[in-house]
């Protein structure tokens, strides 16, 4: 059954099966408000269209055997791509969010056009592996992304790159976005923030990014560029950020912040430097632990300020922020609570490590592609 020919009920059932993997037919009937006969007919139609399949529950239960709705073995797929400061990865994602298979490569200092050619070749191989099944592609990049273009990605050294022209295929849905924003979507839909009303996600690596999600969707801003939390003035006004401003919060959290606290020269690779400093702190090195506490306090205070401003009921931390929460939890949580207005402290919103880790941006990119597909069904 091609896209655009499903009934509204059929599309809704397909979306439910995606959002709730292993959904039973009885649960689907209750969620849709349909009778068992109608639901059985919908399932049969989707199975006939190679969109859904069923499998029986494991034996041993009482009563009539339950059947679970699962992706059809020849059903639709989307491709998620994430480019990081050291490497890239592409993976096929089936209905329900499971990663089926993928490819990866290193950047090795290559320019943007060279990396995108390698990614395009990899996504082409995935399409040929499952001919006719791939319905869309989503790509996550650590930088400012608008309307399918990388405006500026300082970590990668990329500017003014057209991701849509480089990677999209005719007839497929396409999504491109900032990696931290898409990681937030992944956490909201598949990770630690499922069910949160207003979710704040913060991700630290060579900089600080993040997003706010409501109902699993990111707050994008007027130009699709919301979430540049690293450039709010929570930092030291004496420190100039690479963006040109002074006092940016991100300068208190990255590898250069660790270097200043340790009295060392600014690192060439701030991410690896910060990781090594946190490893030393976790091992009991007093100087590194003192630096980690200072950075963790800066993370917590800024987080508290954003919670006050955004009324978030859950905060997820990714990248180096998650590691800070692990190594110096008292400083991160304590500074956050100290920065909250009184009524938000009973209890304070949970601060938790992102559940998806490095898979967050790829998962979020794939999820937004699926969201486009529901609108086309």
Protein backbone atom coordinates (compact mmCIF):
# COMPACT_ATOMS: atom_id res chain seq x y z
CA UNK A 1 0.00 0.00 0.00
CA UNK A 2 1.70 3.26 -1.06
CA UNK A 3 1.95 6.32 1.15
CA UNK A 4 -1.22 8.39 0.99
CA UNK A 5 -3.72 5.53 0.70
CA UNK A 6 -4.20 4.63 4.37
CA UNK A 7 -7.34 5.61 6.24
CA UNK A 8 -6.99 7.98 9.19
CA UNK A 9 -7.59 5.06 11.58
CA UNK A 10 -4.97 2.96 9.83
CA UNK A 11 -2.41 5.75 10.03
CA UNK A 12 -3.21 6.25 13.72
CA UNK A 13 -2.74 2.56 14.44
CA UNK A 14 0.59 2.57 12.62
CA UNK A 15 1.73 5.60 14.65
CA UNK A 16 0.65 3.90 17.89
CA UNK A 17 2.60 0.76 17.00
CA UNK A 18 5.65 2.93 16.36
CA UNK A 19 5.35 4.85 19.63
CA UNK A 20 4.60 1.76 21.74
CA UNK A 21 6.69 -1.17 20.53
CA UNK A 22 5.13 -4.56 21.27
CA UNK A 23 1.65 -3.03 21.52
CA UNK A 24 -1.00 -5.75 21.72
CA UNK A 25 -4.08 -5.81 19.54
CA UNK A 26 -6.27 -5.39 22.65
CA UNK A 27 -4.25 -2.34 23.79
CA UNK A 28 -4.55 -0.87 20.31
CA UNK A 29 -8.34 -1.31 20.37
CA UNK A 30 -8.58 0.52 23.70
CA UNK A 31 -6.31 3.35 22.52
CA UNK A 32 -8.24 3.79 19.28
CA UNK A 33 -11.67 3.33 20.85
CA UNK A 34 -12.55 0.63 18.33
CA UNK A 35 -14.06 -2.82 18.72
CA UNK A 36 -12.07 -6.01 18.36
CA UNK A 37 -13.48 -6.71 14.92
CA UNK A 38 -12.62 -3.28 13.57
CA UNK A 39 -9.14 -3.46 15.06
CA UNK A 40 -8.55 -6.91 13.60
CA UNK A 41 -9.58 -5.59 10.19
CA UNK A 42 -7.21 -2.61 10.51
CA UNK A 43 -4.35 -4.90 11.49
CA UNK A 44 -5.08 -7.19 8.55
CA UNK A 45 -5.05 -4.25 6.13
CA UNK A 46 -1.73 -2.97 7.48
CA UNK A 47 -0.26 -6.46 7.35
CA UNK A 48 -1.43 -6.79 3.75
CA UNK A 49 0.31 -3.51 2.99
CA UNK A 50 3.56 -4.85 4.52
CA UNK A 51 3.47 -2.19 7.22
CA UNK A 52 2.66 -4.21 10.36
CA UNK A 53 2.91 -7.84 11.39
CA UNK A 54 1.79 -9.82 14.43
CA UNK A 55 3.48 -12.34 16.65
CA UNK A 56 1.94 -14.39 19.45
CA UNK A 57 2.90 -13.70 23.04
CA UNK A 58 5.18 -16.13 24.83
CA UNK A 59 3.26 -19.19 26.05
CA UNK A 60 2.24 -19.60 29.66
CA UNK A 61 -0.36 -16.89 30.24
CA UNK A 62 -3.98 -17.46 31.13
CA UNK A 63 -6.91 -16.78 28.87
CA UNK A 64 -6.99 -16.12 25.18
CA UNK A 65 -3.50 -15.79 23.63
CA UNK A 66 -2.37 -12.17 23.11
CA UNK A 67 -0.87 -11.03 19.82
CA UNK A 68 1.70 -8.24 19.63
CA UNK A 69 1.96 -5.74 16.77
CA UNK A 70 5.50 -5.63 15.34
CA UNK A 71 7.19 -4.17 12.23
CA UNK A 72 6.56 -6.09 9.05
CA UNK A 73 9.72 -7.94 7.95
CA UNK A 74 9.58 -6.13 4.60
CA UNK A 75 8.14 -2.90 5.99
CA UNK A 76 9.29 0.70 5.72
CA UNK A 77 12.60 1.99 7.06
CA UNK A 78 14.14 5.40 7.58
CA UNK A 79 17.83 6.27 7.74
CA UNK A 80 19.35 8.31 10.55
CA UNK A 81 22.75 9.97 10.24
CA UNK A 82 24.87 11.71 12.87
CA UNK A 83 28.12 13.57 12.20
CA UNK A 84 30.36 14.08 15.25
CA UNK A 85 33.61 15.95 15.73
CA UNK A 86 35.63 12.77 15.12
CA UNK A 87 33.40 10.44 13.07
CA UNK A 88 30.00 9.83 11.47
CA UNK A 89 27.41 7.07 11.54
CA UNK A 90 24.42 6.09 9.41
CA UNK A 91 21.81 3.48 10.39
CA UNK A 92 18.52 2.12 9.14
CA UNK A 93 15.68 2.40 11.66
CA UNK A 94 12.51 0.34 11.52
CA UNK A 95 9.01 1.04 12.78
CA UNK A 96 9.19 1.08 16.58
CA UNK A 97 12.57 2.82 16.64
CA UNK A 98 14.93 -0.16 16.59
CA UNK A 99 18.21 0.30 14.70
CA UNK A 100 18.49 -2.47 12.12
CA UNK A 101 22.00 -2.04 10.72
CA UNK A 102 24.40 0.72 9.91
CA UNK A 103 27.73 2.00 8.66
CA UNK A 104 30.29 4.39 10.11
CA UNK A 105 33.45 6.22 9.19
CA UNK A 106 36.00 8.68 10.55
CA UNK A 107 36.35 12.33 9.57
CA UNK A 108 40.16 12.31 9.57
CA UNK A 109 40.23 16.07 9.12
CA UNK A 110 38.32 15.84 5.84
CA UNK A 111 36.38 18.84 4.61
CA UNK A 112 32.60 18.88 4.64
CA UNK A 113 32.09 17.96 0.99
CA UNK A 114 34.35 14.90 1.34
CA UNK A 115 32.58 13.70 4.48
CA UNK A 116 29.15 14.18 2.91
CA UNK A 117 30.21 12.18 -0.16
CA UNK A 118 31.23 9.31 2.13
CA UNK A 119 27.92 9.54 4.01
CA UNK A 120 25.97 9.61 0.74
CA UNK A 121 27.79 6.49 -0.43
CA UNK A 122 26.93 4.74 2.85
CA UNK A 123 23.25 5.70 2.71
CA UNK A 124 23.18 4.55 -0.91
CA UNK A 125 24.47 1.13 0.17
CA UNK A 126 21.76 0.94 2.84
CA UNK A 127 19.07 1.76 0.26
CA UNK A 128 20.40 -0.93 -2.07
CA UNK A 129 20.42 -3.42 0.80
CA UNK A 130 16.69 -2.84 1.30
CA UNK A 131 15.44 -1.75 -2.13
CA UNK A 132 12.21 0.22 -2.08
CA UNK A 133 11.87 0.20 1.71
CA UNK A 134 13.63 3.40 2.75
CA UNK A 135 11.10 6.25 3.07
CA UNK A 136 13.24 9.08 4.42
CA UNK A 137 16.50 10.31 5.90
CA UNK A 138 17.36 12.49 8.89
CA UNK A 139 20.78 13.96 9.64
CA UNK A 140 22.18 15.50 12.84
CA UNK A 141 25.15 17.89 12.79
CA UNK A 142 26.88 19.76 15.66
CA UNK A 143 26.19 23.29 14.47
CA UNK A 144 23.58 25.78 13.31
CA UNK A 145 21.28 24.08 10.82
CA UNK A 146 18.39 25.81 9.05
CA UNK A 147 16.20 24.64 6.16
CA UNK A 148 18.52 21.76 5.31
CA UNK A 149 21.67 23.91 5.36
CA UNK A 150 24.59 23.96 7.79
CA UNK A 151 24.98 27.68 8.45
CA UNK A 152 27.97 27.26 10.76
CA UNK A 153 29.48 24.22 12.48
CA UNK A 154 32.68 25.48 14.17
CA UNK A 155 33.52 22.08 15.66
CA UNK A 156 33.61 20.60 12.16
CA UNK A 157 34.92 23.68 10.37
CA UNK A 158 31.85 23.62 8.09
CA UNK A 159 29.96 26.64 6.77
CA UNK A 160 27.23 27.11 4.19
CA UNK A 161 26.77 23.44 3.27
CA UNK A 162 23.56 22.20 1.64
CA UNK A 163 22.75 18.91 3.37
CA UNK A 164 19.56 18.37 1.40
CA UNK A 165 21.36 18.58 -1.95
CA UNK A 166 24.16 16.34 -0.69
CA UNK A 167 22.13 13.58 0.99
CA UNK A 168 18.39 13.64 0.20
CA UNK A 169 16.86 11.23 -2.31
CA UNK A 170 13.92 12.00 -4.59
CA UNK A 171 10.56 11.06 -3.13
CA UNK A 172 11.84 10.61 0.43
CA UNK A 173 11.13 12.65 3.54
CA UNK A 174 14.14 14.64 4.74
CA UNK A 175 15.07 16.22 8.08
CA UNK A 176 18.27 18.01 9.12
CA UNK A 177 19.00 19.57 12.48
CA UNK A 178 21.38 20.37 15.28
CA UNK A 179 22.67 17.28 17.06
CA UNK A 180 21.77 18.45 20.57
CA UNK A 181 18.24 19.37 19.47
CA UNK A 182 17.76 15.97 17.87
CA UNK A 183 19.25 14.23 20.92
CA UNK A 184 16.57 16.00 22.97
CA UNK A 185 13.89 14.60 20.64
CA UNK A 186 15.39 11.14 20.99
CA UNK A 187 15.32 11.37 24.79
CA UNK A 188 11.75 12.67 24.77
CA UNK A 189 10.46 9.87 22.54
CA UNK A 190 12.71 6.90 23.29
CA UNK A 191 14.86 7.77 26.29
CA UNK A 192 14.82 9.20 29.78
CA UNK A 193 12.30 11.99 29.10
CA UNK A 194 9.32 10.03 27.79
CA UNK A 195 6.18 11.39 29.40
CA UNK A 196 7.71 14.72 30.49
CA UNK A 197 5.50 17.75 29.91
CA UNK A 198 8.37 20.23 29.41
CA UNK A 199 11.80 18.66 29.05
CA UNK A 200 15.13 20.49 29.02
CA UNK A 201 18.08 18.70 27.43
CA UNK A 202 21.67 19.96 27.76
CA UNK A 203 24.63 18.44 25.92
CA UNK A 204 28.27 19.41 26.47
CA UNK A 205 31.17 18.44 24.21
CA UNK A 206 33.27 21.09 22.45
CA UNK A 207 30.44 23.50 23.26
CA UNK A 208 27.09 23.54 25.00
CA UNK A 209 23.84 22.96 23.15
CA UNK A 210 20.42 21.63 23.93
CA UNK A 211 16.73 21.99 23.40
CA UNK A 212 13.37 22.20 25.07
CA UNK A 213 10.77 19.63 24.06
CA UNK A 214 7.03 19.62 24.69
CA UNK A 215 5.06 16.54 23.78
CA UNK A 216 8.15 15.05 22.15
CA UNK A 217 8.59 18.00 19.77
CA UNK A 218 11.43 20.54 20.00
CA UNK A 219 10.82 24.22 20.53
CA UNK A 220 12.54 25.44 17.38
CA UNK A 221 12.34 29.24 17.65
CA UNK A 222 11.42 31.77 14.99
CA UNK A 223 14.25 30.69 12.67
CA UNK A 224 14.64 27.08 13.76
CA UNK A 225 17.76 27.91 15.76
CA UNK A 226 16.57 27.75 19.40
CA UNK A 227 18.70 25.93 21.98
CA UNK A 228 21.96 27.87 21.82
CA UNK A 229 22.14 27.77 25.60
CA UNK A 230 25.93 27.92 25.55
CA UNK A 231 25.69 31.60 24.63
CA UNK A 232 23.48 32.83 27.46
CA UNK A 233 25.54 35.13 29.74
CA UNK A 234 25.91 32.80 32.74
CA UNK A 235 29.71 32.81 32.50
CA UNK A 236 32.64 35.04 33.45
CA UNK A 237 32.44 38.42 31.62
CA UNK A 238 36.24 38.46 31.50
CA UNK A 239 36.26 35.40 29.20
CA UNK A 240 35.56 35.94 25.51
CA UNK A 241 33.75 33.12 23.69
CA UNK A 242 34.77 32.06 20.16
CA UNK A 243 31.36 33.40 19.09
CA UNK A 244 32.66 36.91 19.86
CA UNK A 245 30.60 37.58 22.99
CA UNK A 246 31.85 37.74 26.56
CA UNK A 247 30.58 35.70 29.49
CA UNK A 248 28.99 32.84 27.52
CA UNK A 249 27.93 29.93 29.74
CA UNK A 250 29.60 27.39 27.46
CA UNK A 251 33.04 28.80 28.27
CA UNK A 252 32.59 27.67 31.89
CA UNK A 253 31.86 24.05 30.90
CA UNK A 254 34.19 23.02 28.08
CA UNK A 255 37.78 21.80 27.97
CA UNK A 256 39.11 25.34 28.15
CA UNK A 257 37.31 25.79 31.49
CA UNK A 258 39.11 22.73 32.86
CA UNK A 259 42.42 24.09 31.54
CA UNK A 260 41.91 27.46 33.25
CA UNK A 261 41.02 25.75 36.52
CA UNK A 262 44.13 23.57 36.26
CA UNK A 263 46.40 26.44 35.23
CA UNK A 264 47.20 24.82 31.87
CA UNK A 265 47.23 26.12 28.29
CA UNK A 266 44.00 25.93 26.27
CA UNK A 267 43.75 22.47 24.70
CA UNK A 268 43.74 21.83 20.98
CA UNK A 269 41.07 19.13 21.42
CA UNK A 270 38.80 20.39 24.23
CA UNK A 271 36.59 17.29 24.27
CA UNK A 272 39.38 14.75 24.78
CA UNK A 273 41.06 17.09 27.28
CA UNK A 274 37.88 17.39 29.37
CA UNK A 275 37.35 13.63 29.23
CA UNK A 276 40.89 13.02 30.52
CA UNK A 277 40.41 15.59 33.28
CA UNK A 278 37.19 13.88 34.38
CA UNK A 279 38.93 10.50 34.31
CA UNK A 280 41.60 11.92 36.61
CA UNK A 281 38.95 13.41 38.90
CA UNK A 282 37.10 10.10 39.07
CA UNK A 283 40.42 8.45 39.99
CA UNK A 284 40.93 10.79 42.95
CA UNK A 285 43.35 13.36 41.49
CA UNK A 286 42.75 16.37 43.79
CA UNK A 287 43.57 19.08 41.24
CA UNK A 288 41.32 17.52 38.61
CA UNK A 289 38.59 16.96 41.19
CA UNK A 290 38.75 20.62 42.22
CA UNK A 291 38.41 21.65 38.56
CA UNK A 292 35.52 19.22 38.03
CA UNK A 293 33.70 20.64 41.06
CA UNK A 294 34.05 24.18 39.70
CA UNK A 295 32.75 23.15 36.26
CA UNK A 296 29.97 21.04 37.82
CA UNK A 297 28.87 24.01 39.91
CA UNK A 298 28.72 26.19 36.79
CA UNK A 299 26.62 23.53 35.06
CA UNK A 300 24.22 23.25 37.99
CA UNK A 301 23.74 26.99 38.47
CA UNK A 302 22.96 27.61 34.84
CA UNK A 303 20.62 24.63 34.73
CA UNK A 304 18.70 26.03 37.69
CA UNK A 305 18.33 29.35 35.90
CA UNK A 306 16.92 27.68 32.80
CA UNK A 307 14.51 25.59 34.87
CA UNK A 308 13.22 28.80 36.46
CA UNK A 309 12.78 30.42 33.05
CA UNK A 310 11.29 27.47 31.19
CA UNK A 311 9.28 25.70 33.91
CA UNK A 312 10.84 22.36 32.93
CA UNK A 313 9.73 19.28 34.85
CA UNK A 314 12.72 17.13 33.81
CA UNK A 315 16.33 17.80 32.78
CA UNK A 316 18.44 15.33 30.83
CA UNK A 317 22.21 15.75 30.53
CA UNK A 318 24.28 14.38 27.67
CA UNK A 319 27.94 14.19 26.70
CA UNK A 320 30.37 15.71 29.23
CA UNK A 321 27.40 17.06 31.22
CA UNK A 322 26.32 13.49 31.98
CA UNK A 323 29.88 12.64 33.02
CA UNK A 324 29.98 15.65 35.36
CA UNK A 325 26.75 14.43 36.94
CA UNK A 326 28.43 11.07 37.50
CA UNK A 327 31.76 12.37 38.84
CA UNK A 328 30.61 15.40 40.91
CA UNK A 329 26.87 14.85 41.48
CA UNK A 330 26.72 16.90 44.67
CA UNK A 331 28.06 20.00 42.95
CA UNK A 332 25.78 19.69 39.91
CA UNK A 333 22.60 18.93 41.86
CA UNK A 334 23.42 21.26 44.77
CA UNK A 335 24.15 24.26 42.55
CA UNK A 336 21.00 23.62 40.53
CA UNK A 337 18.82 23.53 43.65
CA UNK A 338 20.53 26.64 45.06
CA UNK A 339 19.60 28.47 41.87
CA UNK A 340 15.92 27.46 41.93
CA UNK A 341 13.23 29.76 43.24
CA UNK A 342 11.74 28.41 46.46
CA UNK A 343 8.55 26.81 45.15
CA UNK A 344 10.48 24.73 42.57
CA UNK A 345 12.49 22.93 45.26
CA UNK A 346 9.67 20.76 46.63
CA UNK A 347 10.66 18.60 44.90
CA UNK A 348 13.14 19.95 42.34
CA UNK A 349 12.83 18.64 38.78
CA UNK A 350 14.92 15.49 38.31
CA UNK A 351 18.37 15.82 36.72
CA UNK A 352 19.21 12.57 34.94
CA UNK A 353 21.81 11.33 32.50
CA UNK A 354 20.55 10.93 28.95
CA UNK A 355 19.58 7.30 28.40
CA UNK A 356 20.49 7.08 24.71
CA UNK A 357 24.06 8.36 24.92
CA UNK A 358 25.74 8.69 21.52
CA UNK A 359 22.66 7.24 19.80
CA UNK A 360 20.49 10.20 20.87
CA UNK A 361 20.98 12.49 17.85
CA UNK A 362 20.57 9.66 15.31
CA UNK A 363 17.46 8.41 17.11
CA UNK A 364 15.96 11.90 17.22
CA UNK A 365 16.67 12.47 13.53
CA UNK A 366 14.93 9.23 12.63
CA UNK A 367 11.97 10.08 14.88
CA UNK A 368 11.36 13.39 13.11
CA UNK A 369 11.44 11.60 9.75
CA UNK A 370 8.78 9.17 11.00
CA UNK A 371 6.73 12.18 12.13
CA UNK A 372 6.82 13.55 8.59
CA UNK A 373 5.67 10.19 7.26
CA UNK A 374 2.59 10.07 9.54
CA UNK A 375 1.45 13.33 7.95
CA UNK A 376 1.76 11.76 4.50
CA UNK A 377 -0.17 8.56 5.27
